[in-house]
């Protein structure tokens, strides 16, 4: 159980950092939020991979890690869009 938690944190940190590198532009996210997005993506990716049957291989599960990365990129994009929308106000430009 503890090994799974440590593994989720380590893989989440890596996946979250890679996702921020992949997403173009500046993301206004803290390291903690990046870690949370990465951990959630890692856990969801693992769950989906097990349900679909992608994680039943020996060695490194590359498809599972790719799925985790795709989910982390989606998470970074979602968080970036949410935080960008708050600062914009009504979204209209006065003329």
C-alpha atoms as a PDB file:
ATOM      1  CA  UNK A   1       0.000   0.000   0.000  1.00  0.00           C
ATOM      2  CA  UNK A   2       2.746   2.476   0.918  1.00  0.00           C
ATOM      3  CA  UNK A   3       4.691   1.490  -2.191  1.00  0.00           C
ATOM      4  CA  UNK A   4       1.662   2.302  -4.346  1.00  0.00           C
ATOM      5  CA  UNK A   5       1.316   5.737  -2.743  1.00  0.00           C
ATOM      6  CA  UNK A   6       5.004   6.545  -3.195  1.00  0.00           C
ATOM      7  CA  UNK A   7       4.843   5.266  -6.763  1.00  0.00           C
ATOM      8  CA  UNK A   8       1.794   7.457  -7.510  1.00  0.00           C
ATOM      9  CA  UNK A   9       3.594  10.519  -6.124  1.00  0.00           C
ATOM     10  CA  UNK A  10       6.795   9.880  -8.103  1.00  0.00           C
ATOM     11  CA  UNK A  11       5.021   9.017 -11.356  1.00  0.00           C
ATOM     12  CA  UNK A  12       2.588  11.897 -10.792  1.00  0.00           C
ATOM     13  CA  UNK A  13       5.438  14.370 -10.384  1.00  0.00           C
ATOM     14  CA  UNK A  14       7.121  13.150 -13.565  1.00  0.00           C
ATOM     15  CA  UNK A  15       3.904  13.044 -15.581  1.00  0.00           C
ATOM     16  CA  UNK A  16       2.807  16.474 -14.327  1.00  0.00           C
ATOM     17  CA  UNK A  17       6.173  18.045 -15.166  1.00  0.00           C
ATOM     18  CA  UNK A  18       6.202  16.469 -18.632  1.00  0.00           C
ATOM     19  CA  UNK A  19       2.661  17.684 -19.253  1.00  0.00           C
ATOM     20  CA  UNK A  20       3.663  21.250 -18.405  1.00  0.00           C
ATOM     21  CA  UNK A  21       6.579  20.973 -20.813  1.00  0.00           C
ATOM     22  CA  UNK A  22       4.302  19.701 -23.579  1.00  0.00           C
ATOM     23  CA  UNK A  23       1.574  22.340 -23.178  1.00  0.00           C
ATOM     24  CA  UNK A  24       2.645  25.455 -25.087  1.00  0.00           C
ATOM     25  CA  UNK A  25       2.771  28.845 -23.428  1.00  0.00           C
ATOM     26  CA  UNK A  26       3.088  29.866 -19.807  1.00  0.00           C
ATOM     27  CA  UNK A  27       0.989  28.028 -17.267  1.00  0.00           C
ATOM     28  CA  UNK A  28       0.251  29.925 -14.090  1.00  0.00           C
ATOM     29  CA  UNK A  29       0.371  26.817 -11.881  1.00  0.00           C
ATOM     30  CA  UNK A  30       2.236  26.137  -8.673  1.00  0.00           C
ATOM     31  CA  UNK A  31       4.462  23.116  -8.218  1.00  0.00           C
ATOM     32  CA  UNK A  32       1.921  21.692  -5.794  1.00  0.00           C
ATOM     33  CA  UNK A  33      -0.909  22.001  -8.292  1.00  0.00           C
ATOM     34  CA  UNK A  34       1.274  20.423 -10.969  1.00  0.00           C
ATOM     35  CA  UNK A  35       1.920  17.517  -8.583  1.00  0.00           C
ATOM     36  CA  UNK A  36      -1.797  17.130  -7.840  1.00  0.00           C
ATOM     37  CA  UNK A  37      -2.707  17.155 -11.551  1.00  0.00           C
ATOM     38  CA  UNK A  38       0.036  14.601 -12.230  1.00  0.00           C
ATOM     39  CA  UNK A  39      -1.021  12.302  -9.373  1.00  0.00           C
ATOM     40  CA  UNK A  40      -4.684  12.407 -10.408  1.00  0.00           C
ATOM     41  CA  UNK A  41      -3.700  11.696 -14.024  1.00  0.00           C
ATOM     42  CA  UNK A  42      -1.439   8.835 -12.930  1.00  0.00           C
ATOM     43  CA  UNK A  43      -4.159   7.255 -10.808  1.00  0.00           C
ATOM     44  CA  UNK A  44      -6.870   7.693 -13.455  1.00  0.00           C
ATOM     45  CA  UNK A  45      -4.549   6.412 -16.173  1.00  0.00           C
ATOM     46  CA  UNK A  46      -3.720   3.336 -14.130  1.00  0.00           C
ATOM     47  CA  UNK A  47      -7.391   2.703 -13.394  1.00  0.00           C
ATOM     48  CA  UNK A  48      -8.414   3.054 -17.039  1.00  0.00           C
ATOM     49  CA  UNK A  49      -5.477   0.902 -18.188  1.00  0.00           C
ATOM     50  CA  UNK A  50      -6.483  -1.867 -15.782  1.00  0.00           C
ATOM     51  CA  UNK A  51     -10.130  -1.700 -16.841  1.00  0.00           C
ATOM     52  CA  UNK A  52      -9.250  -1.827 -20.554  1.00  0.00           C
ATOM     53  CA  UNK A  53      -6.529  -4.449 -20.039  1.00  0.00           C
ATOM     54  CA  UNK A  54      -3.483  -2.395 -21.039  1.00  0.00           C
ATOM     55  CA  UNK A  55      -1.658  -2.880 -17.734  1.00  0.00           C
ATOM     56  CA  UNK A  56      -1.354  -6.658 -17.805  1.00  0.00           C
ATOM     57  CA  UNK A  57       2.100  -6.750 -19.373  1.00  0.00           C
ATOM     58  CA  UNK A  58       5.514  -7.650 -17.992  1.00  0.00           C
ATOM     59  CA  UNK A  59       8.012  -4.874 -17.555  1.00  0.00           C
ATOM     60  CA  UNK A  60       7.202  -1.246 -18.230  1.00  0.00           C
ATOM     61  CA  UNK A  61       3.633  -0.496 -19.256  1.00  0.00           C
ATOM     62  CA  UNK A  62       4.354   2.101 -21.942  1.00  0.00           C
ATOM     63  CA  UNK A  63       0.727   2.412 -23.048  1.00  0.00           C
ATOM     64  CA  UNK A  64      -0.362   3.012 -19.462  1.00  0.00           C
ATOM     65  CA  UNK A  65       2.264   5.748 -19.054  1.00  0.00           C
ATOM     66  CA  UNK A  66       1.244   7.314 -22.367  1.00  0.00           C
ATOM     67  CA  UNK A  67      -2.371   7.357 -21.200  1.00  0.00           C
ATOM     68  CA  UNK A  68      -1.275   8.975 -17.921  1.00  0.00           C
ATOM     69  CA  UNK A  69       0.631  11.632 -19.851  1.00  0.00           C
ATOM     70  CA  UNK A  70      -2.340  12.380 -22.120  1.00  0.00           C
ATOM     71  CA  UNK A  71      -4.574  12.753 -19.068  1.00  0.00           C
ATOM     72  CA  UNK A  72      -2.002  15.021 -17.381  1.00  0.00           C
ATOM     73  CA  UNK A  73      -1.799  17.243 -20.485  1.00  0.00           C
ATOM     74  CA  UNK A  74      -5.599  17.473 -20.458  1.00  0.00           C
ATOM     75  CA  UNK A  75      -5.485  18.329 -16.749  1.00  0.00           C
ATOM     76  CA  UNK A  76      -2.868  21.053 -17.230  1.00  0.00           C
ATOM     77  CA  UNK A  77      -4.911  22.530 -20.090  1.00  0.00           C
ATOM     78  CA  UNK A  78      -8.060  22.435 -17.963  1.00  0.00           C
ATOM     79  CA  UNK A  79      -6.413  24.101 -14.967  1.00  0.00           C
ATOM     80  CA  UNK A  80      -4.762  26.702 -17.212  1.00  0.00           C
ATOM     81  CA  UNK A  81      -8.096  27.542 -18.862  1.00  0.00           C
ATOM     82  CA  UNK A  82      -9.833  27.781 -15.483  1.00  0.00           C
ATOM     83  CA  UNK A  83      -7.237  30.082 -13.944  1.00  0.00           C
ATOM     84  CA  UNK A  84      -6.980  32.254 -17.081  1.00  0.00           C
ATOM     85  CA  UNK A  85     -10.743  32.727 -17.174  1.00  0.00           C
ATOM     86  CA  UNK A  86     -10.871  34.106 -13.611  1.00  0.00           C
ATOM     87  CA  UNK A  87      -8.495  36.988 -14.253  1.00  0.00           C
ATOM     88  CA  UNK A  88     -10.243  38.149 -17.431  1.00  0.00           C
ATOM     89  CA  UNK A  89     -13.364  39.588 -15.802  1.00  0.00           C
ATOM     90  CA  UNK A  90     -16.355  39.680 -18.134  1.00  0.00           C
ATOM     91  CA  UNK A  91     -14.317  38.921 -21.232  1.00  0.00           C
ATOM     92  CA  UNK A  92     -15.435  42.044 -23.085  1.00  0.00           C
ATOM     93  CA  UNK A  93     -13.177  44.840 -24.177  1.00  0.00           C
ATOM     94  CA  UNK A  94     -14.392  48.395 -23.615  1.00  0.00           C
ATOM     95  CA  UNK A  95     -14.449  50.585 -26.710  1.00  0.00           C
END
